Amino acid sequence: MEVIKTTTKKDAIKNKNLKYFKYGIIIIIFLVIIFVAYSIISLYINYVNIISINQSTPITLTTTPTIISLNGNEYSLKLLSYSNITTQAVLAITKLPIFVNPTMLIQIPFNNFTDVNLSSKYSTLRIKLSNVSNNHFVVDLIPIPSSLLETPTVQRILFVNNTVPNFGTAPITAIKPISITTNKTTTNKNITSTSNSSSTQTSNFDKAENLLKVSTYYPIMVNYTKMYANESNCTATKYNNTYYNLEGIFPNGTDTYQNITAITPYKLTLNITNSTPSLYDAVYTAYSHSSISNGIALIITMNVISDDIISSTTENAFLSTNSISLESAYMRENRIGTCGTFICSSSKGC
């Protein structure tokens, strides 16, 4: 007797699913081939144009992508927009290959910087907008060792998945604008304001003070303020004797009391100002007899609405330092006692 094979509905569905599975495997293999080819081609095309960021590096940006290398990874960096009203640029930076990594939109005020975390939860790159002219924007790219545990400027960073937006597209406006103005007004609780919003200003000033006190810089600046004030007790005789006890010789040349006291700050003051109802700056100013170390030493920018510390910038006397290096220097200077600041500022250091 002849056996007739029949195909049930269940078998038909099974065969159909198997067919789709095979098609899926083929598509995945095809996409992997494209991905590998794209990575190889991109690496080959851009290799000669890759800029390695091993130290502070100025780069001129346009809407054409620039390829940089940082900590063993390559990134595409391009200008998206610039506002003459807010004097802020928006940049896009994406880890290569572009289509599998999110794009980071970065907002940078002119003559200011944004710290970004490209490969860590801590900041790995500082981007400073230093020059603007005729659609050419010069940024300084400064690598930040992850060991410093610097917090990124998250208020100026927005992630967009998979694609770099075109110039002027909607995602840019999704970043909360941050206005930077040069005409700042000082809020002083001891001054009675004629404005109807005086109580709000005072409240915001209190918030700014509270924010400042949780900054890592605050206790360090308190110590530096006291230390600079105490250095008025350091006489030429005391300095020379302390120097001799530490180095075995008396100071000479640039290390003399006259030269050292000319370049070392003798006072540090704090002034809290606001540029907008929400943005406040804690400005520490160092006073010395030299233009190198005289002037603004530290600016801590705070948003009293979002209750965040946005950025901390060191200048002049504290240029190229951070909270860790400043605290370490203070501990060494304080250990010496009177004249410690002057001794540590000498060529011998401390």
C-alpha atoms as a PDB file:
ATOM      1  CA  MET A   1       0.000   0.000   0.000  1.00  0.00           C
ATOM      2  CA  GLU A   2       1.419   3.414  -0.954  1.00  0.00           C
ATOM      3  CA  VAL A   3       2.001   5.858   1.907  1.00  0.00           C
ATOM      4  CA  ILE A   4       0.989   9.425   1.041  1.00  0.00           C
ATOM      5  CA  LYS A   5       2.852  12.167   3.017  1.00  0.00           C
ATOM      6  CA  THR A   6       0.716  15.062   4.101  1.00  0.00           C
ATOM      7  CA  THR A   7       1.860  18.489   5.345  1.00  0.00           C
ATOM      8  CA  THR A   8       0.023  19.765   8.337  1.00  0.00           C
ATOM      9  CA  LYS A   9      -0.563  23.473   9.069  1.00  0.00           C
ATOM     10  CA  LYS A  10       1.861  23.202  11.970  1.00  0.00           C
ATOM     11  CA  ASP A  11       4.600  21.889   9.704  1.00  0.00           C
ATOM     12  CA  ALA A  12       3.962  24.677   7.184  1.00  0.00           C
ATOM     13  CA  ILE A  13       4.362  27.344   9.897  1.00  0.00           C
ATOM     14  CA  LYS A  14       7.543  25.667  11.107  1.00  0.00           C
ATOM     15  CA  ASN A  15       9.009  25.619   7.602  1.00  0.00           C
ATOM     16  CA  LYS A  16       8.045  29.260   7.093  1.00  0.00           C
ATOM     17  CA  ASN A  17       9.719  30.310  10.357  1.00  0.00           C
ATOM     18  CA  LEU A  18      12.839  28.370   9.411  1.00  0.00           C
ATOM     19  CA  LYS A  19      12.918  30.177   6.086  1.00  0.00           C
ATOM     20  CA  TYR A  20      12.669  33.575   7.807  1.00  0.00           C
ATOM     21  CA  PHE A  21      15.384  32.538  10.263  1.00  0.00           C
ATOM     22  CA  LYS A  22      17.745  31.718   7.398  1.00  0.00           C
ATOM     23  CA  TYR A  23      16.978  35.078   5.795  1.00  0.00           C
ATOM     24  CA  GLY A  24      17.673  36.771   9.135  1.00  0.00           C
ATOM     25  CA  ILE A  25      21.052  35.062   9.434  1.00  0.00           C
ATOM     26  CA  ILE A  26      21.965  36.177   5.904  1.00  0.00           C
ATOM     27  CA  ILE A  27      20.969  39.777   6.676  1.00  0.00           C
ATOM     28  CA  ILE A  28      23.022  39.787   9.901  1.00  0.00           C
ATOM     29  CA  ILE A  29      26.072  38.413   8.072  1.00  0.00           C
ATOM     30  CA  PHE A  30      25.611  41.053   5.373  1.00  0.00           C
ATOM     31  CA  LEU A  31      25.419  43.845   7.971  1.00  0.00           C
ATOM     32  CA  VAL A  32      28.530  42.550   9.738  1.00  0.00           C
ATOM     33  CA  ILE A  33      30.416  42.583   6.429  1.00  0.00           C
ATOM     34  CA  ILE A  34      29.294  46.165   5.799  1.00  0.00           C
ATOM     35  CA  PHE A  35      30.278  47.174   9.329  1.00  0.00           C
ATOM     36  CA  VAL A  36      33.768  45.682   9.007  1.00  0.00           C
ATOM     37  CA  ALA A  37      34.255  47.181   5.543  1.00  0.00           C
ATOM     38  CA  TYR A  38      33.058  50.588   6.733  1.00  0.00           C
ATOM     39  CA  SER A  39      35.413  50.522   9.721  1.00  0.00           C
ATOM     40  CA  ILE A  40      38.398  49.573   7.563  1.00  0.00           C
ATOM     41  CA  ILE A  41      37.604  52.174   4.888  1.00  0.00           C
ATOM     42  CA  SER A  42      36.973  54.899   7.477  1.00  0.00           C
ATOM     43  CA  LEU A  43      40.216  54.110   9.252  1.00  0.00           C
ATOM     44  CA  TYR A  44      42.147  54.136   5.967  1.00  0.00           C
ATOM     45  CA  ILE A  45      40.619  57.351   4.666  1.00  0.00           C
ATOM     46  CA  ASN A  46      40.982  59.295   7.901  1.00  0.00           C
ATOM     47  CA  TYR A  47      44.244  57.872   9.201  1.00  0.00           C
ATOM     48  CA  VAL A  48      46.471  60.571   7.760  1.00  0.00           C
ATOM     49  CA  ASN A  49      44.134  63.283   9.062  1.00  0.00           C
ATOM     50  CA  ILE A  50      43.782  62.010  12.618  1.00  0.00           C
ATOM     51  CA  ILE A  51      44.961  64.524  15.224  1.00  0.00           C
ATOM     52  CA  SER A  52      46.328  62.917  18.369  1.00  0.00           C
ATOM     53  CA  ILE A  53      45.336  64.726  21.558  1.00  0.00           C
ATOM     54  CA  ASN A  54      48.171  64.094  24.003  1.00  0.00           C
ATOM     55  CA  GLN A  55      48.404  67.652  25.328  1.00  0.00           C
ATOM     56  CA  SER A  56      46.547  70.953  24.970  1.00  0.00           C
ATOM     57  CA  THR A  57      45.900  71.182  21.214  1.00  0.00           C
ATOM     58  CA  PRO A  58      44.226  74.077  19.320  1.00  0.00           C
ATOM     59  CA  ILE A  59      41.996  72.941  16.434  1.00  0.00           C
ATOM     60  CA  THR A  60      40.083  75.004  13.886  1.00  0.00           C
ATOM     61  CA  LEU A  61      36.575  73.599  13.453  1.00  0.00           C
ATOM     62  CA  THR A  62      34.080  74.001  10.628  1.00  0.00           C
ATOM     63  CA  THR A  63      31.000  72.029   9.626  1.00  0.00           C
ATOM     64  CA  THR A  64      33.373  69.497   8.031  1.00  0.00           C
ATOM     65  CA  PRO A  65      34.244  66.742  10.538  1.00  0.00           C
ATOM     66  CA  THR A  66      37.700  66.622  12.110  1.00  0.00           C
ATOM     67  CA  ILE A  67      39.029  63.283  13.343  1.00  0.00           C
ATOM     68  CA  ILE A  68      40.859  63.200  16.665  1.00  0.00           C
ATOM     69  CA  SER A  69      42.458  60.396  18.644  1.00  0.00           C
ATOM     70  CA  LEU A  70      42.248  60.292  22.423  1.00  0.00           C
ATOM     71  CA  ASN A  71      43.143  57.442  24.785  1.00  0.00           C
ATOM     72  CA  GLY A  72      43.282  54.930  21.930  1.00  0.00           C
ATOM     73  CA  ASN A  73      39.905  55.843  20.424  1.00  0.00           C
ATOM     74  CA  GLU A  74      39.013  57.965  17.383  1.00  0.00           C
ATOM     75  CA  TYR A  75      36.276  60.599  17.401  1.00  0.00           C
ATOM     76  CA  SER A  76      34.601  62.764  14.789  1.00  0.00           C
ATOM     77  CA  LEU A  77      34.326  66.395  15.905  1.00  0.00           C
ATOM     78  CA  LYS A  78      32.413  69.078  13.990  1.00  0.00           C
ATOM     79  CA  LEU A  79      30.753  72.451  14.424  1.00  0.00           C
ATOM     80  CA  LEU A  80      26.960  72.498  14.369  1.00  0.00           C
ATOM     81  CA  SER A  81      26.026  76.083  15.172  1.00  0.00           C
ATOM     82  CA  TYR A  82      27.031  79.326  16.831  1.00  0.00           C
ATOM     83  CA  SER A  83      24.785  81.983  18.340  1.00  0.00           C
ATOM     84  CA  ASN A  84      25.909  85.611  18.313  1.00  0.00           C
ATOM     85  CA  ILE A  85      23.211  86.342  20.877  1.00  0.00           C
ATOM     86  CA  THR A  86      24.321  83.859  23.528  1.00  0.00           C
ATOM     87  CA  THR A  87      27.932  83.680  22.176  1.00  0.00           C
ATOM     88  CA  GLN A  88      27.812  79.909  22.372  1.00  0.00           C
ATOM     89  CA  ALA A  89      28.810  77.180  19.953  1.00  0.00           C
ATOM     90  CA  VAL A  90      27.302  73.719  19.672  1.00  0.00           C
ATOM     91  CA  LEU A  91      29.672  70.946  18.649  1.00  0.00           C
ATOM     92  CA  ALA A  92      29.009  67.303  17.815  1.00  0.00           C
ATOM     93  CA  ILE A  93      31.451  64.616  18.809  1.00  0.00           C
ATOM     94  CA  THR A  94      30.990  60.919  18.019  1.00  0.00           C
ATOM     95  CA  LYS A  95      33.154  57.905  18.631  1.00  0.00           C
ATOM     96  CA  LEU A  96      33.995  56.029  15.417  1.00  0.00           C
ATOM     97  CA  PRO A  97      32.382  54.164  13.755  1.00  0.00           C
ATOM     98  CA  ILE A  98      29.691  56.821  13.719  1.00  0.00           C
ATOM     99  CA  PHE A  99      26.549  54.818  12.967  1.00  0.00           C
ATOM    100  CA  VAL A 100      26.844  52.506  15.990  1.00  0.00           C
ATOM    101  CA  ASN A 101      27.731  55.112  18.618  1.00  0.00           C
ATOM    102  CA  PRO A 102      25.625  57.959  20.019  1.00  0.00           C
ATOM    103  CA  THR A 103      26.472  61.539  19.155  1.00  0.00           C
ATOM    104  CA  MET A 104      27.306  63.944  21.949  1.00  0.00           C
ATOM    105  CA  LEU A 105      26.076  67.508  21.431  1.00  0.00           C
ATOM    106  CA  ILE A 106      28.267  69.874  23.410  1.00  0.00           C
ATOM    107  CA  GLN A 107      27.448  73.471  24.235  1.00  0.00           C
ATOM    108  CA  ILE A 108      30.464  75.745  24.796  1.00  0.00           C
ATOM    109  CA  PRO A 109      30.254  79.435  25.724  1.00  0.00           C
ATOM    110  CA  PHE A 110      32.864  81.703  24.154  1.00  0.00           C
ATOM    111  CA  ASN A 111      36.025  81.998  26.248  1.00  0.00           C
ATOM    112  CA  ASN A 112      34.757  79.192  28.434  1.00  0.00           C
ATOM    113  CA  PHE A 113      34.971  75.421  28.396  1.00  0.00           C
ATOM    114  CA  THR A 114      32.967  72.218  28.750  1.00  0.00           C
ATOM    115  CA  ASP A 115      34.372  69.034  30.295  1.00  0.00           C
ATOM    116  CA  VAL A 116      33.146  65.860  28.565  1.00  0.00           C
ATOM    117  CA  ASN A 117      33.384  62.196  29.501  1.00  0.00           C
ATOM    118  CA  LEU A 118      34.142  60.315  26.290  1.00  0.00           C
ATOM    119  CA  SER A 119      35.265  56.971  27.693  1.00  0.00           C
ATOM    120  CA  SER A 120      34.594  57.212  31.420  1.00  0.00           C
ATOM    121  CA  LYS A 121      32.038  58.533  33.856  1.00  0.00           C
ATOM    122  CA  TYR A 122      34.643  61.153  34.704  1.00  0.00           C
ATOM    123  CA  SER A 123      35.854  63.923  32.385  1.00  0.00           C
ATOM    124  CA  THR A 124      38.476  62.873  29.846  1.00  0.00           C
ATOM    125  CA  LEU A 125      38.529  65.964  27.602  1.00  0.00           C
ATOM    126  CA  ARG A 126      38.173  69.703  28.181  1.00  0.00           C
ATOM    127  CA  ILE A 127      36.954  71.674  25.158  1.00  0.00           C
ATOM    128  CA  LYS A 128      37.484  75.435  25.309  1.00  0.00           C
ATOM    129  CA  LEU A 129      36.124  77.854  22.692  1.00  0.00           C
ATOM    130  CA  SER A 130      38.949  80.373  22.345  1.00  0.00           C
ATOM    131  CA  ASN A 131      38.391  82.155  19.011  1.00  0.00           C
ATOM    132  CA  VAL A 132      35.461  82.902  16.701  1.00  0.00           C
ATOM    133  CA  SER A 133      35.741  84.532  13.255  1.00  0.00           C
ATOM    134  CA  ASN A 134      34.046  84.081   9.862  1.00  0.00           C
ATOM    135  CA  ASN A 135      32.619  80.622  10.550  1.00  0.00           C
ATOM    136  CA  HIS A 136      36.004  79.399  11.762  1.00  0.00           C
ATOM    137  CA  PHE A 137      36.022  78.382  15.381  1.00  0.00           C
ATOM    138  CA  VAL A 138      39.197  77.599  17.272  1.00  0.00           C
ATOM    139  CA  VAL A 139      38.835  75.218  20.198  1.00  0.00           C
ATOM    140  CA  ASP A 140      41.505  74.074  22.611  1.00  0.00           C
ATOM    141  CA  LEU A 141      41.310  70.348  23.298  1.00  0.00           C
ATOM    142  CA  ILE A 142      42.849  69.510  26.656  1.00  0.00           C
ATOM    143  CA  PRO A 143      43.055  65.866  27.787  1.00  0.00           C
ATOM    144  CA  ILE A 144      42.072  65.257  31.401  1.00  0.00           C
ATOM    145  CA  PRO A 145      43.535  62.213  33.194  1.00  0.00           C
ATOM    146  CA  SER A 146      40.665  60.085  34.474  1.00  0.00           C
ATOM    147  CA  SER A 147      42.583  59.681  37.730  1.00  0.00           C
ATOM    148  CA  LEU A 148      41.667  63.283  38.589  1.00  0.00           C
ATOM    149  CA  LEU A 149      37.996  62.232  38.854  1.00  0.00           C
ATOM    150  CA  GLU A 150      36.816  65.529  37.347  1.00  0.00           C
ATOM    151  CA  THR A 151      33.030  65.797  36.955  1.00  0.00           C
ATOM    152  CA  PRO A 152      31.789  66.421  33.373  1.00  0.00           C
ATOM    153  CA  THR A 153      29.731  69.525  32.612  1.00  0.00           C
ATOM    154  CA  VAL A 154      26.531  67.531  32.167  1.00  0.00           C
ATOM    155  CA  GLN A 155      24.328  70.628  31.896  1.00  0.00           C
ATOM    156  CA  ARG A 156      25.900  71.399  28.518  1.00  0.00           C
ATOM    157  CA  ILE A 157      25.833  67.872  27.090  1.00  0.00           C
ATOM    158  CA  LEU A 158      23.053  66.099  25.180  1.00  0.00           C
ATOM    159  CA  PHE A 159      23.158  62.633  23.607  1.00  0.00           C
ATOM    160  CA  VAL A 160      21.511  61.801  20.270  1.00  0.00           C
ATOM    161  CA  ASN A 161      21.473  58.169  19.190  1.00  0.00           C
ATOM    162  CA  ASN A 162      23.088  56.832  16.030  1.00  0.00           C
ATOM    163  CA  THR A 163      23.292  59.896  13.824  1.00  0.00           C
ATOM    164  CA  VAL A 164      24.969  63.272  13.682  1.00  0.00           C
ATOM    165  CA  PRO A 165      22.279  65.942  13.176  1.00  0.00           C
ATOM    166  CA  ASN A 166      22.548  68.364  10.287  1.00  0.00           C
ATOM    167  CA  PHE A 167      23.438  71.999  10.858  1.00  0.00           C
ATOM    168  CA  GLY A 168      20.696  73.807  12.741  1.00  0.00           C
ATOM    169  CA  THR A 169      18.427  70.814  13.351  1.00  0.00           C
ATOM    170  CA  ALA A 170      15.960  70.557  16.203  1.00  0.00           C
ATOM    171  CA  PRO A 171      18.081  68.504  18.654  1.00  0.00           C
ATOM    172  CA  ILE A 172      20.344  71.512  19.164  1.00  0.00           C
ATOM    173  CA  THR A 173      17.515  73.506  20.676  1.00  0.00           C
ATOM    174  CA  ALA A 174      16.944  70.662  23.103  1.00  0.00           C
ATOM    175  CA  ILE A 175      20.015  71.821  24.995  1.00  0.00           C
ATOM    176  CA  LYS A 176      19.068  74.289  27.662  1.00  0.00           C
ATOM    177  CA  PRO A 177      20.566  77.656  26.671  1.00  0.00           C
ATOM    178  CA  ILE A 178      23.161  79.087  28.997  1.00  0.00           C
ATOM    179  CA  SER A 179      23.664  82.823  28.624  1.00  0.00           C
ATOM    180  CA  ILE A 180      27.061  84.345  29.220  1.00  0.00           C
ATOM    181  CA  THR A 181      27.283  88.128  29.468  1.00  0.00           C
ATOM    182  CA  THR A 182      30.120  90.462  30.297  1.00  0.00           C
ATOM    183  CA  ASN A 183      27.974  92.976  32.169  1.00  0.00           C
ATOM    184  CA  LYS A 184      27.587  91.218  35.491  1.00  0.00           C
ATOM    185  CA  THR A 185      25.799  92.606  38.510  1.00  0.00           C
ATOM    186  CA  THR A 186      26.920  91.897  42.030  1.00  0.00           C
ATOM    187  CA  THR A 187      24.406  90.647  44.543  1.00  0.00           C
ATOM    188  CA  ASN A 188      25.263  91.847  48.025  1.00  0.00           C
ATOM    189  CA  LYS A 189      23.025  91.013  50.954  1.00  0.00           C
ATOM    190  CA  ASN A 190      24.150  94.176  52.746  1.00  0.00           C
ATOM    191  CA  ILE A 191      22.845  96.435  49.967  1.00  0.00           C
ATOM    192  CA  THR A 192      19.146  97.234  49.765  1.00  0.00           C
ATOM    193  CA  SER A 193      17.958  96.816  46.190  1.00  0.00           C
ATOM    194  CA  THR A 194      15.290  99.031  44.691  1.00  0.00           C
ATOM    195  CA  SER A 195      14.178  96.186  42.440  1.00  0.00           C
ATOM    196  CA  ASN A 196      10.893  94.408  43.137  1.00  0.00           C
ATOM    197  CA  SER A 197      12.787  91.133  42.948  1.00  0.00           C
ATOM    198  CA  SER A 198      15.230  91.957  45.756  1.00  0.00           C
ATOM    199  CA  SER A 199      13.923  89.141  47.955  1.00  0.00           C
ATOM    200  CA  THR A 200      14.368  86.669  45.093  1.00  0.00           C
ATOM    201  CA  GLN A 201      17.923  87.906  44.508  1.00  0.00           C
ATOM    202  CA  THR A 202      18.756  87.471  48.170  1.00  0.00           C
ATOM    203  CA  SER A 203      17.265  83.980  48.155  1.00  0.00           C
ATOM    204  CA  ASN A 204      19.253  83.026  45.066  1.00  0.00           C
ATOM    205  CA  PHE A 205      22.379  84.507  46.620  1.00  0.00           C
ATOM    206  CA  ASP A 206      21.876  82.253  49.637  1.00  0.00           C
ATOM    207  CA  LYS A 207      21.487  79.278  47.310  1.00  0.00           C
ATOM    208  CA  ALA A 208      24.697  80.249  45.533  1.00  0.00           C
ATOM    209  CA  GLU A 209      26.525  80.474  48.851  1.00  0.00           C
ATOM    210  CA  ASN A 210      25.259  77.033  49.858  1.00  0.00           C
ATOM    211  CA  LEU A 211      26.293  75.577  46.504  1.00  0.00           C
ATOM    212  CA  LEU A 212      29.738  77.107  46.829  1.00  0.00           C
ATOM    213  CA  LYS A 213      30.230  75.488  50.221  1.00  0.00           C
ATOM    214  CA  VAL A 214      29.783  71.987  48.759  1.00  0.00           C
ATOM    215  CA  SER A 215      32.389  72.659  46.060  1.00  0.00           C
ATOM    216  CA  THR A 216      35.662  70.767  46.467  1.00  0.00           C
ATOM    217  CA  TYR A 217      37.444  74.093  46.059  1.00  0.00           C
ATOM    218  CA  TYR A 218      35.699  75.883  48.924  1.00  0.00           C
ATOM    219  CA  PRO A 219      37.623  74.526  51.951  1.00  0.00           C
ATOM    220  CA  ILE A 220      40.868  74.826  49.983  1.00  0.00           C
ATOM    221  CA  MET A 221      40.210  78.490  49.209  1.00  0.00           C
ATOM    222  CA  VAL A 222      39.400  79.152  52.865  1.00  0.00           C
ATOM    223  CA  ASN A 223      42.816  77.745  53.749  1.00  0.00           C
ATOM    224  CA  TYR A 224      44.588  79.722  51.025  1.00  0.00           C
ATOM    225  CA  THR A 225      42.889  82.940  52.152  1.00  0.00           C
ATOM    226  CA  LYS A 226      44.191  82.448  55.697  1.00  0.00           C
ATOM    227  CA  MET A 227      47.625  81.351  54.509  1.00  0.00           C
ATOM    228  CA  TYR A 228      48.154  84.371  52.257  1.00  0.00           C
ATOM    229  CA  ALA A 229      47.049  86.671  55.076  1.00  0.00           C
ATOM    230  CA  ASN A 230      49.493  85.015  57.497  1.00  0.00           C
ATOM    231  CA  GLU A 231      52.401  85.506  55.110  1.00  0.00           C
ATOM    232  CA  SER A 232      52.479  89.145  56.197  1.00  0.00           C
ATOM    233  CA  ASN A 233      54.395  87.775  59.208  1.00  0.00           C
ATOM    234  CA  CYS A 234      57.165  86.496  56.927  1.00  0.00           C
ATOM    235  CA  THR A 235      60.074  88.932  57.091  1.00  0.00           C
ATOM    236  CA  ALA A 236      63.204  88.840  54.955  1.00  0.00           C
ATOM    237  CA  THR A 237      65.193  87.435  57.885  1.00  0.00           C
ATOM    238  CA  LYS A 238      62.632  84.736  58.604  1.00  0.00           C
ATOM    239  CA  TYR A 239      62.479  83.793  54.911  1.00  0.00           C
ATOM    240  CA  ASN A 240      66.266  83.612  54.531  1.00  0.00           C
ATOM    241  CA  ASN A 241      66.682  81.500  57.655  1.00  0.00           C
ATOM    242  CA  THR A 242      63.847  79.112  56.683  1.00  0.00           C
ATOM    243  CA  TYR A 243      65.259  78.761  53.177  1.00  0.00           C
ATOM    244  CA  TYR A 244      68.736  78.032  54.601  1.00  0.00           C
ATOM    245  CA  ASN A 245      67.412  75.409  57.010  1.00  0.00           C
ATOM    246  CA  LEU A 246      65.682  73.594  54.143  1.00  0.00           C
ATOM    247  CA  GLU A 247      68.239  73.976  51.354  1.00  0.00           C
ATOM    248  CA  GLY A 248      71.545  74.480  53.149  1.00  0.00           C
ATOM    249  CA  ILE A 249      72.240  77.711  51.276  1.00  0.00           C
ATOM    250  CA  PHE A 250      70.879  81.225  51.396  1.00  0.00           C
ATOM    251  CA  PRO A 251      68.493  82.283  48.595  1.00  0.00           C
ATOM    252  CA  ASN A 252      69.928  84.136  45.612  1.00  0.00           C
ATOM    253  CA  GLY A 253      68.881  85.261  42.153  1.00  0.00           C
ATOM    254  CA  THR A 254      65.163  84.791  41.527  1.00  0.00           C
ATOM    255  CA  ASP A 255      64.780  83.155  44.939  1.00  0.00           C
ATOM    256  CA  THR A 256      65.606  86.259  46.971  1.00  0.00           C
ATOM    257  CA  TYR A 257      62.967  87.591  49.328  1.00  0.00           C
ATOM    258  CA  GLN A 258      62.474  90.681  47.157  1.00  0.00           C
ATOM    259  CA  ASN A 259      61.879  88.659  43.974  1.00  0.00           C
ATOM    260  CA  ILE A 260      59.700  85.965  45.544  1.00  0.00           C
ATOM    261  CA  THR A 261      57.416  88.396  47.358  1.00  0.00           C
ATOM    262  CA  ALA A 262      56.905  90.251  44.085  1.00  0.00           C
ATOM    263  CA  ILE A 263      55.335  87.259  42.315  1.00  0.00           C
ATOM    264  CA  THR A 264      53.590  85.463  45.199  1.00  0.00           C
ATOM    265  CA  PRO A 265      50.010  86.519  46.054  1.00  0.00           C
ATOM    266  CA  TYR A 266      49.607  88.244  49.392  1.00  0.00           C
ATOM    267  CA  LYS A 267      45.784  88.273  49.518  1.00  0.00           C
ATOM    268  CA  LEU A 268      42.843  86.244  48.218  1.00  0.00           C
ATOM    269  CA  THR A 269      39.280  87.605  48.120  1.00  0.00           C
ATOM    270  CA  LEU A 270      35.878  86.151  47.198  1.00  0.00           C
ATOM    271  CA  ASN A 271      33.076  87.910  45.346  1.00  0.00           C
ATOM    272  CA  ILE A 272      29.817  86.241  44.284  1.00  0.00           C
ATOM    273  CA  THR A 273      28.181  87.737  41.192  1.00  0.00           C
ATOM    274  CA  ASN A 274      25.273  86.806  38.944  1.00  0.00           C
ATOM    275  CA  SER A 275      25.029  87.086  35.146  1.00  0.00           C
ATOM    276  CA  THR A 276      21.412  85.825  34.967  1.00  0.00           C
ATOM    277  CA  PRO A 277      18.757  85.123  37.628  1.00  0.00           C
ATOM    278  CA  SER A 278      19.921  81.506  37.687  1.00  0.00           C
ATOM    279  CA  LEU A 279      23.674  81.709  37.004  1.00  0.00           C
ATOM    280  CA  TYR A 280      26.065  82.824  39.739  1.00  0.00           C
ATOM    281  CA  ASP A 281      29.863  83.014  39.748  1.00  0.00           C
ATOM    282  CA  ALA A 282      32.046  82.684  42.819  1.00  0.00           C
ATOM    283  CA  VAL A 283      35.106  84.698  41.800  1.00  0.00           C
ATOM    284  CA  TYR A 284      38.329  84.335  43.792  1.00  0.00           C
ATOM    285  CA  THR A 285      40.812  87.126  43.094  1.00  0.00           C
ATOM    286  CA  ALA A 286      44.493  86.927  44.025  1.00  0.00           C
ATOM    287  CA  TYR A 287      46.481  90.094  44.706  1.00  0.00           C
ATOM    288  CA  SER A 288      50.203  90.276  43.991  1.00  0.00           C
ATOM    289  CA  HIS A 289      52.807  92.728  42.664  1.00  0.00           C
ATOM    290  CA  SER A 290      53.162  90.827  39.377  1.00  0.00           C
ATOM    291  CA  SER A 291      50.733  90.658  36.451  1.00  0.00           C
ATOM    292  CA  ILE A 292      51.500  86.935  36.153  1.00  0.00           C
ATOM    293  CA  SER A 293      49.839  86.070  39.441  1.00  0.00           C
ATOM    294  CA  ASN A 294      47.577  89.073  39.945  1.00  0.00           C
ATOM    295  CA  GLY A 295      43.859  88.958  39.095  1.00  0.00           C
ATOM    296  CA  ILE A 296      41.122  86.339  38.946  1.00  0.00           C
ATOM    297  CA  ALA A 297      42.479  83.005  40.168  1.00  0.00           C
ATOM    298  CA  LEU A 298      39.347  80.836  40.266  1.00  0.00           C
ATOM    299  CA  ILE A 299      35.790  81.079  38.948  1.00  0.00           C
ATOM    300  CA  ILE A 300      33.138  78.628  40.138  1.00  0.00           C
ATOM    301  CA  THR A 301      29.947  78.881  38.070  1.00  0.00           C
ATOM    302  CA  MET A 302      26.708  77.713  39.705  1.00  0.00           C
ATOM    303  CA  ASN A 303      23.109  77.278  38.586  1.00  0.00           C
ATOM    304  CA  VAL A 304      20.844  78.053  41.548  1.00  0.00           C
ATOM    305  CA  ILE A 305      17.742  76.812  39.727  1.00  0.00           C
ATOM    306  CA  SER A 306      19.036  73.330  38.930  1.00  0.00           C
ATOM    307  CA  ASP A 307      21.145  73.404  42.109  1.00  0.00           C
ATOM    308  CA  ASP A 308      24.333  72.437  40.261  1.00  0.00           C
ATOM    309  CA  ILE A 309      27.944  73.548  40.033  1.00  0.00           C
ATOM    310  CA  ILE A 310      28.430  73.978  36.283  1.00  0.00           C
ATOM    311  CA  SER A 311      32.166  74.569  36.018  1.00  0.00           C
ATOM    312  CA  SER A 312      35.338  75.579  37.832  1.00  0.00           C
ATOM    313  CA  THR A 313      38.012  77.557  35.964  1.00  0.00           C
ATOM    314  CA  THR A 314      41.494  78.373  37.252  1.00  0.00           C
ATOM    315  CA  GLU A 315      43.440  81.350  35.918  1.00  0.00           C
ATOM    316  CA  ASN A 316      46.557  83.467  36.544  1.00  0.00           C
ATOM    317  CA  ALA A 317      47.988  82.453  39.950  1.00  0.00           C
ATOM    318  CA  PHE A 318      46.117  79.115  39.850  1.00  0.00           C
ATOM    319  CA  LEU A 319      46.438  78.497  36.106  1.00  0.00           C
ATOM    320  CA  SER A 320      46.788  74.813  35.089  1.00  0.00           C
ATOM    321  CA  THR A 321      45.866  73.591  38.560  1.00  0.00           C
ATOM    322  CA  ASN A 322      42.875  71.759  39.994  1.00  0.00           C
ATOM    323  CA  SER A 323      41.463  71.111  43.453  1.00  0.00           C
ATOM    324  CA  ILE A 324      43.769  68.129  44.017  1.00  0.00           C
ATOM    325  CA  SER A 325      47.009  69.900  43.096  1.00  0.00           C
ATOM    326  CA  LEU A 326      46.001  73.035  45.018  1.00  0.00           C
ATOM    327  CA  GLU A 327      45.241  71.054  48.158  1.00  0.00           C
ATOM    328  CA  SER A 328      48.511  69.159  47.841  1.00  0.00           C
ATOM    329  CA  ALA A 329      50.454  72.427  47.445  1.00  0.00           C
ATOM    330  CA  TYR A 330      48.687  73.940  50.458  1.00  0.00           C
ATOM    331  CA  MET A 331      49.594  70.979  52.645  1.00  0.00           C
ATOM    332  CA  ARG A 332      53.271  71.322  51.712  1.00  0.00           C
ATOM    333  CA  GLU A 333      53.277  75.093  52.278  1.00  0.00           C
ATOM    334  CA  ASN A 334      51.360  74.822  55.541  1.00  0.00           C
ATOM    335  CA  ARG A 335      53.784  72.180  56.817  1.00  0.00           C
ATOM    336  CA  ILE A 336      56.628  74.715  56.560  1.00  0.00           C
ATOM    337  CA  GLY A 337      54.618  77.344  58.421  1.00  0.00           C
ATOM    338  CA  THR A 338      55.373  81.047  58.149  1.00  0.00           C
ATOM    339  CA  CYS A 339      57.074  81.804  54.800  1.00  0.00           C
ATOM    340  CA  GLY A 340      55.901  78.430  53.437  1.00  0.00           C
ATOM    341  CA  THR A 341      54.108  80.051  50.494  1.00  0.00           C
ATOM    342  CA  PHE A 342      57.242  81.984  49.525  1.00  0.00           C
ATOM    343  CA  ILE A 343      59.536  78.967  49.950  1.00  0.00           C
ATOM    344  CA  CYS A 344      57.325  76.782  47.766  1.00  0.00           C
ATOM    345  CA  SER A 345      57.193  79.500  45.114  1.00  0.00           C
ATOM    346  CA  SER A 346      60.983  79.522  44.819  1.00  0.00           C
ATOM    347  CA  SER A 347      62.939  77.563  42.214  1.00  0.00           C
ATOM    348  CA  LYS A 348      63.644  74.852  44.816  1.00  0.00           C
ATOM    349  CA  GLY A 349      59.936  74.251  45.420  1.00  0.00           C
ATOM    350  CA  CYS A 350      58.885  72.264  48.461  1.00  0.00           C
END
